[in-house]
Protein backbone atom coordinates (compact mmCIF):
# COMPACT_ATOMS: atom_id res chain seq x y z
CA MET A 1 13.23 12.48 -14.29
CA ARG A 2 12.30 14.22 -11.04
CA VAL A 3 8.62 14.22 -12.01
CA GLU A 4 8.77 10.52 -12.83
CA ALA A 5 10.55 9.75 -9.56
CA SER A 6 7.90 11.64 -7.58
CA ARG A 7 5.07 9.87 -9.38
CA TYR A 8 6.72 6.50 -8.77
CA ALA A 9 7.08 7.27 -5.05
CA LEU A 10 3.40 8.22 -4.89
CA LEU A 11 2.28 5.07 -6.69
CA ARG A 12 4.39 2.93 -4.36
CA ARG A 13 2.68 4.56 -1.40
CA LEU A 14 -0.76 4.01 -2.94
CA ALA A 15 -0.10 0.42 -4.04
CA PHE A 16 -1.55 -1.18 -0.88
CA SER A 17 -4.73 0.93 -1.06
CA ILE A 18 -5.18 0.24 -4.78
CA ARG A 19 -4.71 -3.51 -4.22
CA HIS A 20 -7.25 -3.46 -1.40
CA GLN A 21 -9.73 -1.68 -3.66
CA MET A 22 -9.33 -4.33 -6.34
CA VAL A 23 -9.63 -7.24 -3.91
CA ALA A 24 -12.81 -5.75 -2.47
CA HIS A 25 -14.54 -6.63 -5.76
CA LEU A 26 -12.87 -10.02 -6.16
CA GLN A 27 -13.60 -11.50 -2.71
CA PRO A 28 -17.41 -11.58 -3.08
CA ILE A 29 -17.06 -13.55 -6.33
CA GLY A 30 -15.50 -16.46 -4.43
CA MET A 31 -18.15 -16.29 -1.72
CA VAL A 32 -21.07 -16.32 -4.17
CA THR A 33 -19.39 -19.12 -6.17
CA GLU A 34 -19.11 -21.31 -3.05
CA LEU A 35 -22.78 -20.68 -2.29
CA LEU A 36 -23.72 -21.61 -5.86
CA GLU A 37 -21.71 -24.85 -5.63
CA ARG A 38 -23.52 -25.86 -2.44
CA ARG A 39 -26.89 -25.16 -4.03
CA LEU A 40 -26.03 -27.20 -7.12
CA ARG A 41 -25.00 -30.18 -4.96
CA ALA A 42 -28.51 -30.38 -3.52
CA PRO A 43 -30.58 -33.42 -4.62
CA GLU A 44 -33.01 -31.09 -6.40
CA PRO A 45 -31.22 -27.78 -7.07
CA ASP A 46 -33.34 -24.64 -7.08
CA LEU A 47 -32.59 -23.36 -10.58
CA HIS A 48 -34.09 -19.96 -9.82
CA GLN A 49 -31.63 -19.44 -6.94
CA ALA A 50 -28.79 -20.74 -9.11
CA HIS A 51 -29.73 -18.29 -11.83
CA ASP A 52 -29.66 -15.44 -9.29
CA SER A 53 -26.21 -16.52 -8.09
CA VAL A 54 -24.86 -16.62 -11.65
CA ALA A 55 -26.26 -13.14 -12.27
CA LYS A 56 -24.55 -11.87 -9.11
CA ILE A 57 -21.23 -13.44 -10.13
CA ASN A 58 -21.56 -11.84 -13.55
CA GLY A 59 -22.20 -8.41 -12.04
CA LEU A 60 -19.32 -8.73 -9.58
CA ALA A 61 -16.97 -9.92 -12.33
CA LYS A 62 -17.84 -6.93 -14.50
CA ALA A 63 -17.23 -4.54 -11.59
CA ALA A 64 -13.90 -6.22 -10.80
CA ALA A 65 -12.81 -6.08 -14.45
CA GLN A 66 -13.70 -2.39 -14.64
CA ASP A 67 -11.76 -1.71 -11.45
CA CYS A 68 -8.72 -3.54 -12.82
CA LEU A 69 -8.88 -1.51 -16.03
CA ASP A 70 -9.18 1.66 -13.99
CA VAL A 71 -6.08 0.74 -11.98
CA ILE A 72 -4.08 0.47 -15.20
CA THR A 73 -4.84 4.14 -15.91
CA TRP A 74 -3.02 5.05 -12.69
CA MET A 75 0.19 3.70 -14.21
CA ALA A 76 -0.56 4.75 -17.80
CA PRO A 77 -2.94 7.76 -17.76
CA GLU A 78 -5.15 8.33 -20.76
CA PRO A 79 -4.14 11.59 -22.49
CA GLY A 80 -6.77 14.27 -22.05
CA ALA A 81 -8.99 12.23 -19.71
CA THR A 82 -11.05 14.35 -17.32
CA VAL A 83 -13.13 13.74 -14.20
CA ALA A 84 -15.55 15.87 -12.21
CA ILE A 85 -13.61 17.45 -9.35
CA GLY A 86 -16.25 16.32 -6.86
CA GLN A 87 -16.04 12.70 -8.04
CA SER A 88 -12.25 12.81 -7.95
CA LEU A 89 -12.30 13.95 -4.34
CA GLN A 90 -14.74 11.21 -3.36
CA ASP A 91 -12.59 8.60 -5.13
CA CYS A 92 -9.45 9.83 -3.35
CA ILE A 93 -11.13 9.77 0.06
CA ALA A 94 -12.50 6.26 -0.55
CA LEU A 95 -9.07 5.04 -1.65
CA LEU A 96 -7.18 6.38 1.36
CA ARG A 97 -9.74 6.20 4.17
CA GLY A 98 -8.85 2.67 5.31
CA ASN A 99 -5.09 3.22 5.25
CA PHE A 100 -5.42 6.54 7.06
CA SER A 101 -7.65 4.97 9.68
CA PHE A 102 -4.91 2.45 10.54
CA ARG A 103 -2.55 5.38 10.99
CA GLY A 104 -4.92 7.19 13.36
CA LEU A 105 -6.03 9.73 10.77
CA ALA A 106 -9.67 10.63 10.18
CA LEU A 107 -10.65 11.93 6.74
CA LYS A 108 -13.65 14.25 6.79
CA SER A 109 -15.33 16.24 4.06
CA ASP A 110 -18.47 18.26 3.45
CA LEU A 111 -18.34 18.58 -0.30
CA PRO A 112 -20.97 20.16 -2.54
CA GLU A 113 -21.89 18.63 -5.89
CA LEU A 114 -19.06 19.84 -8.11
CA SER A 115 -19.29 18.70 -11.71
CA GLN A 116 -16.55 20.88 -13.21
CA PRO A 117 -14.10 18.66 -15.15
CA VAL A 118 -10.41 18.66 -14.30
CA GLY A 119 -7.54 16.53 -15.56
CA ARG A 120 -7.96 13.03 -14.15
CA SER A 121 -4.21 12.40 -13.97
CA ALA A 122 -3.65 15.73 -12.22
CA ALA A 123 -6.33 15.03 -9.62
CA ARG A 124 -5.20 11.45 -9.04
CA MET A 125 -1.60 12.49 -8.51
CA LEU A 126 -1.98 15.68 -6.51
CA LEU A 127 -4.90 15.04 -4.17
CA PRO A 128 -3.38 11.95 -2.51
CA ALA A 129 0.14 13.43 -2.73
CA CYS A 130 -0.97 16.46 -0.72
CA LEU A 131 -2.72 14.28 1.85
CA LEU A 132 0.39 12.16 2.30
CA ALA A 133 2.80 15.10 2.42
CA LEU A 134 0.63 16.75 5.08
CA THR A 135 0.42 13.67 7.29
CA ASP A 136 3.63 11.66 6.84
CA GLY A 137 5.48 13.67 9.47
CA LEU A 138 2.74 13.56 12.12
CA GLU A 139 3.56 11.82 15.39
CA GLY A 140 0.00 11.39 16.62
CA PRO A 141 -3.62 11.08 15.50
CA ALA A 142 -5.22 13.88 13.53
CA GLU A 143 -8.35 14.95 11.68
CA ILE A 144 -8.03 15.95 8.02
CA THR A 145 -10.77 18.17 6.62
CA ILE A 146 -11.20 18.51 2.86
CA GLY A 147 -13.21 21.32 1.30
CA ALA A 148 -13.69 22.45 -2.28
CA GLN A 149 -15.31 25.07 -4.46
CA ALA A 150 -15.32 25.64 -8.20
CA THR A 151 -16.06 28.23 -10.89
CA ASP A 152 -16.16 27.97 -14.66
CA ASP A 153 -12.40 28.58 -14.75
CA ASP A 154 -10.88 26.68 -11.84
CA ALA A 155 -11.55 24.30 -8.95
CA THR A 156 -9.99 24.94 -5.56
CA VAL A 157 -9.39 22.21 -3.00
CA ASP A 158 -8.44 23.13 0.55
CA ILE A 159 -6.98 20.51 2.92
CA ARG A 160 -6.42 21.17 6.62
CA VAL A 161 -4.92 18.98 9.33
CA GLN A 162 -5.73 19.33 13.03
CA ARG A 163 -4.06 17.21 15.68
CA THR A 164 -6.37 15.28 18.01
CA GLU A 165 -5.96 13.38 21.27
CA GLY A 166 -5.47 9.64 21.28
CA GLU A 167 -3.09 6.68 21.21
CA GLY A 168 -2.13 3.94 18.80
CA PHE A 169 -0.75 6.03 15.95
CA ASP A 170 1.17 3.81 13.53
CA ARG A 171 3.91 5.60 11.60
CA GLN A 172 4.99 2.54 9.62
CA LEU A 173 5.10 3.49 5.93
CA ASN A 174 5.26 0.96 3.09
CA TYR A 175 7.66 3.25 1.20
CA ARG A 176 9.42 6.56 1.76
CA ALA A 177 7.55 9.61 2.99
CA LEU A 178 6.23 12.07 0.40
CA GLN A 179 8.02 15.41 0.46
CA TRP A 180 6.61 18.77 -0.57
CA SER A 181 9.28 18.91 -3.26
CA ASP A 182 7.63 15.81 -4.79
CA VAL A 183 4.22 17.47 -4.79
CA GLU A 184 5.60 20.72 -6.19
CA VAL A 185 7.23 19.12 -9.24
CA MET A 186 4.05 17.14 -10.00
CA ALA A 187 1.93 20.29 -9.64
CA ARG A 188 4.12 22.19 -12.09
CA ALA A 189 3.97 19.30 -14.56
CA GLU A 190 0.15 19.31 -14.39
CA ASP A 191 -0.24 23.14 -14.47
CA VAL A 192 -1.87 23.09 -11.02
CA GLN A 193 -1.29 25.84 -8.49
CA LEU A 194 -0.11 24.67 -5.08
CA VAL A 195 0.19 26.61 -1.83
CA HIS A 196 1.14 24.85 1.40
CA ALA A 197 2.01 25.74 4.95
CA ASP A 198 2.08 23.93 8.29
CA GLY A 199 -1.03 21.79 8.45
CA ARG A 200 -2.65 23.17 5.31
CA ALA A 201 -2.50 22.87 1.52
CA THR A 202 -4.50 24.45 -1.29
CA LEU A 203 -4.67 23.16 -4.86
CA VAL A 204 -6.16 25.10 -7.76
CA PHE A 205 -6.99 22.94 -10.81
CA PRO A 206 -7.82 24.48 -14.18
CA VAL A 207 -11.30 23.51 -15.35
CA LEU A 208 -11.14 21.75 -18.71
CA GLY A 209 -13.87 21.86 -21.32
């Protein structure tokens, strides 16, 4: 029950970012559709341009559908699904960058190409959970640096937080703050090693396959 409660809290915190990611694919469909409608109302519509617009709408719709299907796997993970640790880090950064920016937090990374596969559910739960647990208690802007390295046996992710100067830090959270106890129970459930201290966290994921 504690693991489920922690996962629920994390998903509630990520809900706004996930919704924004989905809408990012849906908004252009409406824009291209409006453009197509204007072109078709012309006395002599340019069928070549109309064909291009339809092709764009088709591509955007496919991307949006894939994103929606991917979101479902956040709530109902596919058993045994894996993802390259490097790709998982990039996905996590892309998901949270906008929300963190509003909070005065800058996400930075200098990641090598890491193709070692890790559990997708483990990475999706623990990477953002660590980032939130590290930053929820901050009272000012900060820079978060993410680094990673991997071997044939495990992948290590190191996250560090450094306070910076500045104003306008927004501490409004859309749900409760993530606690380290939440991250710890999720890490144990996913067989991931976790070490954390003030301003720093290290995750060690087992490489699968």
